[in-house]
Amino acid sequence: MLNEIAVENFTLVPAAMAAGAQRIELTGNLTAGGTTASKGTIIESLKYCHEHNATVVAMVRPRGGDYYFNDIELKIMEHDMLEMQALGVDAVIFGALTPDNHFDVDAMENLIAAAGGMQLVCNLAYDWIPEADRKEALEWLIEKGFTRVLTHGGLLDTNVLDNLDVMKQTVDWAAGRIEVLPGAGVNIDNKDQITSYIGVNQAHGTHVLGKMKA
């Protein structure tokens, strides 16, 4: 089982490593759903993780709230991605939507270009897409070379355990072409049930290895 821990400061990185995390999602302001971490935090976290054989996925999101970003916000995201690429970040997690909750294809393609050789991960913006259109959206992610999609199976006001069939369908659609990472509400008590039911061997969250103590 690969455990990806979401942390919002460097202090929790060593704690996550000690608990057995193999991958860190580095983000700021988790209470807002995650935003871009500072350059300094990224530098020190990368150094520590790489010394301990762990990889870093950096959130690229200029603010919390929705995923409808204006031109200035998208420029900020591009600048941040170029900086992350220069620092040697392993992967970036991001998503941008149109107001009708479909991928903002032009914005996403520009961000993909800015990511350079970093792995691409789609964030929970995927769950905002209407269920009837998610298969097509997943195919688009595969076509564009995304490594992984993070999903709760529905919006965050739903219980992850109520979304197992939806997530399993996503895994079936993926057919091994893109990794499906269950997250948001996944914890040490339910991760085995979730991953076993949907057929994956990785889990994401702040507490998938228990409560972190710095």
Protein backbone atom coordinates (compact mmCIF):
# COMPACT_ATOMS: atom_id res chain seq x y z
CA MET A 1 0.00 0.00 0.00
CA LEU A 2 1.40 3.38 -1.00
CA ASN A 3 0.44 6.06 1.51
CA GLU A 4 0.38 9.67 0.34
CA ILE A 5 0.16 12.16 3.19
CA ALA A 6 -1.09 15.70 2.63
CA VAL A 7 0.87 18.20 4.72
CA GLU A 8 0.77 21.98 4.86
CA ASN A 9 4.11 22.73 6.52
CA PHE A 10 7.61 21.29 6.71
CA THR A 11 7.28 20.30 10.37
CA LEU A 12 4.88 17.52 9.40
CA VAL A 13 7.13 16.13 6.65
CA PRO A 14 9.55 14.28 8.98
CA ALA A 15 6.55 13.10 11.02
CA ALA A 16 4.92 11.69 7.87
CA MET A 17 8.15 9.98 6.84
CA ALA A 18 8.50 8.44 10.30
CA ALA A 19 4.94 7.14 10.09
CA GLY A 20 5.70 5.41 6.80
CA ALA A 21 4.60 7.80 4.08
CA GLN A 22 6.12 7.09 0.67
CA ARG A 23 4.77 10.20 -1.01
CA ILE A 24 4.01 13.70 0.25
CA GLU A 25 1.44 16.07 -1.17
CA LEU A 26 2.78 19.46 -0.23
CA THR A 27 0.19 22.16 0.08
CA GLY A 28 -0.64 25.31 1.97
CA ASN A 29 -3.86 26.08 3.86
CA LEU A 30 -5.54 22.70 4.02
CA THR A 31 -8.60 24.25 5.63
CA ALA A 32 -9.22 26.00 2.30
CA GLY A 33 -8.79 22.75 0.42
CA GLY A 34 -5.10 23.27 -0.29
CA THR A 35 -3.16 26.07 -1.98
CA THR A 36 0.35 26.49 -3.34
CA ALA A 37 3.05 26.13 -0.69
CA SER A 38 5.87 28.67 -0.33
CA LYS A 39 9.11 28.27 -2.26
CA GLY A 40 11.07 27.80 0.95
CA THR A 41 8.74 25.07 2.15
CA ILE A 42 9.04 23.30 -1.19
CA ILE A 43 12.86 23.48 -1.18
CA GLU A 44 13.28 22.05 2.31
CA SER A 45 10.56 19.43 1.86
CA LEU A 46 12.09 18.23 -1.41
CA LYS A 47 15.50 17.91 0.18
CA TYR A 48 14.18 15.92 3.14
CA CYS A 49 11.89 13.67 1.10
CA HIS A 50 14.49 12.84 -1.50
CA GLU A 51 16.99 11.98 1.24
CA HIS A 52 14.39 9.54 2.60
CA ASN A 53 13.39 7.99 -0.75
CA ALA A 54 10.01 9.69 -0.90
CA THR A 55 8.52 11.78 -3.68
CA VAL A 56 6.80 15.16 -3.53
CA VAL A 57 3.60 16.19 -5.24
CA ALA A 58 3.14 19.96 -5.06
CA MET A 59 -0.28 21.58 -5.13
CA VAL A 60 -0.64 24.37 -7.68
CA ARG A 61 -3.67 26.42 -6.65
CA PRO A 62 -3.63 30.17 -6.05
CA ARG A 63 -6.59 30.16 -3.64
CA GLY A 64 -9.26 28.01 -2.08
CA GLY A 65 -12.88 27.87 -3.16
CA ASP A 66 -13.85 26.90 -6.68
CA TYR A 67 -11.69 25.93 -9.66
CA TYR A 68 -12.79 28.78 -11.95
CA PHE A 69 -9.56 30.71 -12.36
CA ASN A 70 -9.21 34.05 -14.13
CA ASP A 71 -6.32 34.97 -16.43
CA ILE A 72 -4.19 36.48 -13.66
CA GLU A 73 -4.68 33.43 -11.42
CA LEU A 74 -3.71 31.14 -14.28
CA LYS A 75 -0.57 33.20 -14.90
CA ILE A 76 0.30 32.83 -11.22
CA MET A 77 -0.14 29.07 -11.54
CA GLU A 78 2.12 28.99 -14.61
CA HIS A 79 4.83 30.97 -12.81
CA ASP A 80 4.60 28.63 -9.82
CA MET A 81 4.86 25.56 -12.05
CA LEU A 82 7.93 26.87 -13.84
CA GLU A 83 9.52 27.54 -10.44
CA MET A 84 8.65 24.04 -9.25
CA GLN A 85 10.09 22.54 -12.39
CA ALA A 86 13.35 24.40 -11.76
CA LEU A 87 13.43 23.17 -8.15
CA GLY A 88 13.04 19.54 -9.17
CA VAL A 89 9.55 18.82 -7.86
CA ASP A 90 8.47 15.29 -8.78
CA ALA A 91 4.83 15.99 -9.62
CA VAL A 92 2.27 18.78 -9.63
CA ILE A 93 -1.42 18.47 -8.76
CA PHE A 94 -3.86 20.96 -10.27
CA GLY A 95 -7.13 21.45 -12.09
CA ALA A 96 -9.07 24.26 -13.78
CA LEU A 97 -12.73 24.30 -14.73
CA THR A 98 -15.14 26.33 -16.82
CA PRO A 99 -18.20 27.72 -14.99
CA ASP A 100 -20.28 24.77 -16.25
CA ASN A 101 -17.91 22.38 -14.46
CA HIS A 102 -15.93 20.92 -17.33
CA PHE A 103 -12.18 21.08 -17.77
CA ASP A 104 -10.96 24.48 -18.94
CA VAL A 105 -9.02 22.85 -21.77
CA ASP A 106 -7.07 25.93 -22.85
CA ALA A 107 -6.01 26.71 -19.28
CA MET A 108 -5.11 23.11 -18.53
CA GLU A 109 -3.04 22.77 -21.70
CA ASN A 110 -1.06 25.90 -20.83
CA LEU A 111 -0.42 24.52 -17.35
CA ILE A 112 0.63 21.17 -18.76
CA ALA A 113 3.18 22.97 -20.92
CA ALA A 114 4.48 24.90 -17.90
CA ALA A 115 4.87 21.64 -15.96
CA GLY A 116 7.60 20.45 -18.30
CA GLY A 117 8.80 16.99 -17.28
CA MET A 118 7.01 16.83 -13.94
CA GLN A 119 4.34 14.19 -13.44
CA LEU A 120 0.80 15.52 -13.83
CA VAL A 121 -1.90 14.82 -11.24
CA CYS A 122 -5.48 16.07 -11.45
CA ASN A 123 -6.96 17.32 -8.19
CA LEU A 124 -10.51 17.19 -6.85
CA ALA A 125 -11.68 19.49 -9.64
CA TYR A 126 -12.41 16.16 -11.36
CA ASP A 127 -15.21 15.49 -8.86
CA TRP A 128 -16.95 18.74 -9.81
CA ILE A 129 -17.52 17.46 -13.34
CA PRO A 130 -21.04 16.04 -13.84
CA GLU A 131 -21.02 12.26 -13.43
CA ALA A 132 -22.31 11.76 -16.96
CA ASP A 133 -19.25 13.55 -18.35
CA ARG A 134 -16.53 12.13 -16.10
CA LYS A 135 -15.59 9.22 -18.36
CA GLU A 136 -14.88 11.63 -21.20
CA ALA A 137 -12.94 13.86 -18.79
CA LEU A 138 -10.86 10.89 -17.63
CA GLU A 139 -10.07 10.01 -21.26
CA TRP A 140 -8.87 13.57 -21.77
CA LEU A 141 -6.53 13.30 -18.77
CA ILE A 142 -5.14 10.04 -20.14
CA GLU A 143 -4.64 11.56 -23.57
CA LYS A 144 -2.74 14.49 -22.05
CA GLY A 145 -0.39 12.21 -20.13
CA PHE A 146 -1.65 12.58 -16.56
CA THR A 147 -0.17 10.03 -14.18
CA ARG A 148 -2.94 10.11 -11.59
CA VAL A 149 -6.33 11.54 -10.65
CA LEU A 150 -7.30 12.27 -7.05
CA THR A 151 -10.96 11.58 -6.36
CA HIS A 152 -13.46 11.52 -3.52
CA GLY A 153 -16.09 10.13 -5.87
CA GLY A 154 -18.31 13.16 -5.34
CA LEU A 155 -18.35 16.60 -3.79
CA LEU A 156 -16.79 17.04 -0.37
CA ASP A 157 -20.12 17.27 1.43
CA THR A 158 -20.62 13.57 0.67
CA ASN A 159 -19.23 10.67 2.71
CA VAL A 160 -16.40 8.90 0.92
CA LEU A 161 -17.88 5.53 1.91
CA ASP A 162 -21.06 6.42 0.03
CA ASN A 163 -19.03 7.01 -3.14
CA LEU A 164 -17.30 3.65 -3.44
CA ASP A 165 -19.25 2.51 -6.49
CA VAL A 166 -18.51 5.78 -8.28
CA MET A 167 -14.80 5.49 -7.54
CA LYS A 168 -14.77 1.84 -8.60
CA GLN A 169 -16.32 2.85 -11.90
CA THR A 170 -13.53 5.38 -12.36
CA VAL A 171 -10.98 2.61 -11.77
CA ASP A 172 -12.76 0.45 -14.34
CA TRP A 173 -12.74 3.28 -16.88
CA ALA A 174 -9.06 3.91 -16.20
CA ALA A 175 -8.22 0.28 -17.07
CA GLY A 176 -4.66 0.72 -15.84
CA ARG A 177 -3.97 3.70 -18.09
CA ILE A 178 -4.05 6.26 -15.27
CA GLU A 179 -3.80 5.79 -11.50
CA VAL A 180 -6.91 6.49 -9.43
CA LEU A 181 -6.09 7.84 -5.96
CA PRO A 182 -8.91 7.88 -3.37
CA GLY A 183 -8.78 10.82 -1.01
CA ALA A 184 -10.65 13.35 1.13
CA GLY A 185 -12.12 11.49 4.07
CA VAL A 186 -9.82 8.50 3.63
CA ASN A 187 -8.10 7.64 6.92
CA ILE A 188 -6.28 4.86 8.73
CA ASP A 189 -9.59 3.29 9.79
CA ASN A 190 -11.29 3.09 6.38
CA LYS A 191 -8.45 3.04 3.82
CA ASP A 192 -8.25 -0.76 3.61
CA GLN A 193 -11.99 -1.02 2.99
CA ILE A 194 -11.88 1.71 0.34
CA THR A 195 -8.80 0.56 -1.54
CA SER A 196 -9.89 -3.09 -1.50
CA TYR A 197 -13.39 -2.30 -2.77
CA ILE A 198 -12.33 -0.07 -5.65
CA GLY A 199 -9.22 -2.12 -6.50
CA VAL A 200 -6.27 0.21 -5.95
CA ASN A 201 -3.12 0.01 -3.83
CA GLN A 202 -2.69 3.63 -2.77
CA ALA A 203 -4.50 6.10 -0.56
CA HIS A 204 -4.32 9.85 0.09
CA GLY A 205 -5.16 11.99 3.09
CA THR A 206 -3.92 13.77 6.18
CA HIS A 207 -4.66 10.77 8.41
CA VAL A 208 -4.12 7.67 6.26
CA LEU A 209 -1.36 6.69 8.68
CA GLY A 210 -3.09 8.06 11.76
CA LYS A 211 -2.90 11.52 13.27
CA MET A 212 0.44 13.14 12.50
CA LYS A 213 2.38 14.57 15.44
CA ALA A 214 5.13 17.03 14.66
